[in-house]
Amino acid sequence: MRPNAPEYSESEVAILIYLFNHPDETHSTQSLTTVVEEPTLQQKVARLQVMLGFLGTGRTESERSETSDVKPTRNIEEVEKDVENLIAGGLVRGKRKGALGNITYAEIKLTYKGEQQAIMAKKRFAELDSVLKAANLRAANFPS
């Protein structure tokens, strides 16, 4: 892992990739509540982060495996926190709406830096898929 590399949660990375794959759609915190419901994407992100050390070094293996468990739904507050973390990291931008205690974001778009991070994550997913396929193939051919 690179020194001082920012750490992003699996749901934050899932949002980045979703925004990258759907550039012509209008995104808001409300519309992004469904993005990380897809178990395969969130599980791939969690596995990838564990493999590449993005989740930090202070976590045990059991804690890491717990992060790959997918929650069936996400509330808007969780998505708002993810979006704010991505904004703070300079990866997305959006228009703030609402009043104190009820802020949401509309017209969420990737920044140039966000596009770069999404592209790198997609490349890592492709590598992860090929590693997982090779491991599954080996396991299938292993005599029991």
Protein backbone atom coordinates (compact mmCIF):
# COMPACT_ATOMS: atom_id res chain seq x y z
CA MET A 1 0.00 0.00 0.00
CA ARG A 2 1.18 3.51 -0.75
CA PRO A 3 2.08 5.63 2.24
CA ASN A 4 -0.73 8.00 3.24
CA ALA A 5 -3.11 6.39 0.74
CA PRO A 6 -6.69 7.44 1.51
CA GLU A 7 -8.96 4.70 2.79
CA TYR A 8 -12.47 4.38 1.34
CA SER A 9 -15.22 2.05 2.49
CA GLU A 10 -16.65 -0.59 0.18
CA SER A 11 -19.82 1.46 -0.17
CA GLU A 12 -17.84 4.59 -1.12
CA VAL A 13 -15.95 2.67 -3.80
CA ALA A 14 -19.23 1.15 -5.01
CA ILE A 15 -20.65 4.67 -5.39
CA LEU A 16 -17.55 5.79 -7.33
CA ILE A 17 -17.83 2.88 -9.74
CA TYR A 18 -21.57 3.36 -10.14
CA LEU A 19 -21.14 7.04 -10.97
CA PHE A 20 -18.43 6.15 -13.47
CA ASN A 21 -20.62 3.51 -15.15
CA HIS A 22 -23.66 5.83 -15.33
CA PRO A 23 -22.30 9.24 -16.41
CA ASP A 24 -25.43 10.44 -18.20
CA GLU A 25 -27.80 9.84 -15.29
CA THR A 26 -28.69 12.40 -12.62
CA HIS A 27 -27.58 11.21 -9.19
CA SER A 28 -28.59 12.29 -5.69
CA THR A 29 -28.17 10.90 -2.20
CA GLN A 30 -31.67 9.44 -2.53
CA SER A 31 -30.97 7.69 -5.84
CA LEU A 32 -27.65 6.33 -4.54
CA THR A 33 -29.35 4.47 -1.65
CA THR A 34 -29.92 1.56 -4.04
CA VAL A 35 -26.40 1.48 -5.47
CA VAL A 36 -24.73 -0.63 -2.81
CA GLU A 37 -27.61 -3.06 -2.39
CA GLU A 38 -26.09 -5.25 -5.11
CA PRO A 39 -24.25 -7.91 -3.06
CA THR A 40 -21.75 -8.98 -5.67
CA LEU A 41 -20.37 -5.48 -6.16
CA GLN A 42 -20.04 -4.75 -2.46
CA GLN A 43 -18.50 -8.16 -1.76
CA LYS A 44 -16.00 -7.70 -4.60
CA VAL A 45 -15.03 -4.29 -3.25
CA ALA A 46 -14.55 -5.68 0.27
CA ARG A 47 -12.44 -8.59 -1.00
CA LEU A 48 -10.40 -6.27 -3.18
CA GLN A 49 -9.79 -3.82 -0.35
CA VAL A 50 -8.67 -6.61 1.97
CA MET A 51 -6.36 -8.03 -0.72
CA LEU A 52 -4.81 -4.64 -1.46
CA GLY A 53 -4.76 -3.38 2.12
CA PHE A 54 -7.09 -0.39 1.56
CA LEU A 55 -8.94 -1.03 4.80
CA GLY A 56 -5.89 -0.43 6.95
CA THR A 57 -3.65 -2.73 8.91
CA GLY A 58 -5.23 -2.56 12.36
CA ARG A 59 -8.07 -5.00 11.62
CA THR A 60 -8.26 -8.72 12.24
CA GLU A 61 -9.22 -11.23 9.57
CA SER A 62 -12.62 -11.80 11.20
CA GLU A 63 -13.28 -8.04 11.21
CA ARG A 64 -12.35 -7.91 7.55
CA SER A 65 -14.68 -10.77 6.65
CA GLU A 66 -17.50 -8.99 8.50
CA THR A 67 -17.15 -6.02 6.13
CA SER A 68 -17.96 -8.23 3.15
CA ASP A 69 -21.38 -9.07 4.59
CA VAL A 70 -23.90 -7.06 2.63
CA LYS A 71 -26.64 -5.07 4.28
CA PRO A 72 -29.82 -5.42 2.21
CA THR A 73 -30.67 -1.71 2.33
CA ARG A 74 -28.95 1.55 3.13
CA ASN A 75 -30.58 4.54 4.65
CA ILE A 76 -30.10 8.01 3.28
CA GLU A 77 -27.94 9.09 6.24
CA GLU A 78 -25.37 6.38 5.44
CA VAL A 79 -25.26 7.41 1.79
CA GLU A 80 -25.01 11.07 2.77
CA LYS A 81 -21.98 10.26 4.94
CA ASP A 82 -20.38 8.32 2.05
CA VAL A 83 -21.01 11.19 -0.37
CA GLU A 84 -19.56 13.70 2.10
CA ASN A 85 -16.44 11.53 2.53
CA LEU A 86 -16.05 11.37 -1.25
CA ILE A 87 -16.51 15.15 -1.52
CA ALA A 88 -13.91 15.67 1.23
CA GLY A 89 -11.54 13.43 -0.73
CA GLY A 90 -12.09 15.51 -3.86
CA LEU A 91 -13.61 12.56 -5.75
CA VAL A 92 -17.16 13.85 -6.30
CA ARG A 93 -19.01 17.15 -6.31
CA GLY A 94 -22.69 17.95 -5.88
CA LYS A 95 -25.22 20.61 -4.94
CA ARG A 96 -26.17 20.79 -1.28
CA LYS A 97 -29.90 21.04 -0.60
CA GLY A 98 -32.04 21.20 2.50
CA ALA A 99 -31.83 22.80 5.91
CA LEU A 100 -29.72 22.29 9.00
CA GLY A 101 -29.93 18.64 10.06
CA ASN A 102 -31.46 17.57 6.76
CA ILE A 103 -28.79 18.19 4.12
CA THR A 104 -28.83 16.07 0.97
CA TYR A 105 -26.90 16.28 -2.28
CA ALA A 106 -28.17 16.52 -5.84
CA GLU A 107 -26.47 16.46 -9.23
CA ILE A 108 -23.61 14.33 -7.88
CA LYS A 109 -20.81 13.95 -10.40
CA LEU A 110 -17.30 12.54 -10.41
CA THR A 111 -14.39 14.94 -10.43
CA TYR A 112 -11.35 14.23 -12.59
CA LYS A 113 -9.67 12.69 -9.53
CA GLY A 114 -12.82 10.60 -8.90
CA GLU A 115 -12.75 9.31 -12.47
CA GLN A 116 -9.12 8.27 -11.99
CA GLN A 117 -9.95 6.42 -8.77
CA ALA A 118 -12.95 4.69 -10.39
CA ILE A 119 -10.84 3.56 -13.35
CA MET A 120 -8.18 2.16 -11.02
CA ALA A 121 -10.84 0.34 -8.97
CA LYS A 122 -12.37 -1.15 -12.12
CA LYS A 123 -8.93 -2.41 -13.18
CA ARG A 124 -8.45 -3.96 -9.75
CA PHE A 125 -11.85 -5.65 -10.07
CA ALA A 126 -10.83 -7.13 -13.40
CA GLU A 127 -7.65 -8.47 -11.80
CA LEU A 128 -9.63 -9.76 -8.83
CA ASP A 129 -12.13 -11.50 -11.11
CA SER A 130 -9.35 -13.28 -12.97
CA VAL A 131 -7.71 -14.33 -9.68
CA LEU A 132 -11.04 -15.60 -8.30
CA LYS A 133 -11.80 -17.48 -11.53
CA ALA A 134 -8.35 -19.09 -11.49
CA ALA A 135 -8.78 -20.06 -7.83
CA ASN A 136 -12.22 -21.53 -8.53
CA LEU A 137 -10.85 -23.45 -11.50
CA ARG A 138 -8.02 -24.85 -9.38
CA ALA A 139 -10.46 -25.79 -6.62
CA ALA A 140 -12.73 -27.53 -9.14
CA ASN A 141 -9.81 -29.56 -10.50
CA PHE A 142 -8.45 -30.42 -7.05
CA PRO A 143 -9.14 -34.08 -6.20
CA SER A 144 -11.30 -34.48 -3.14
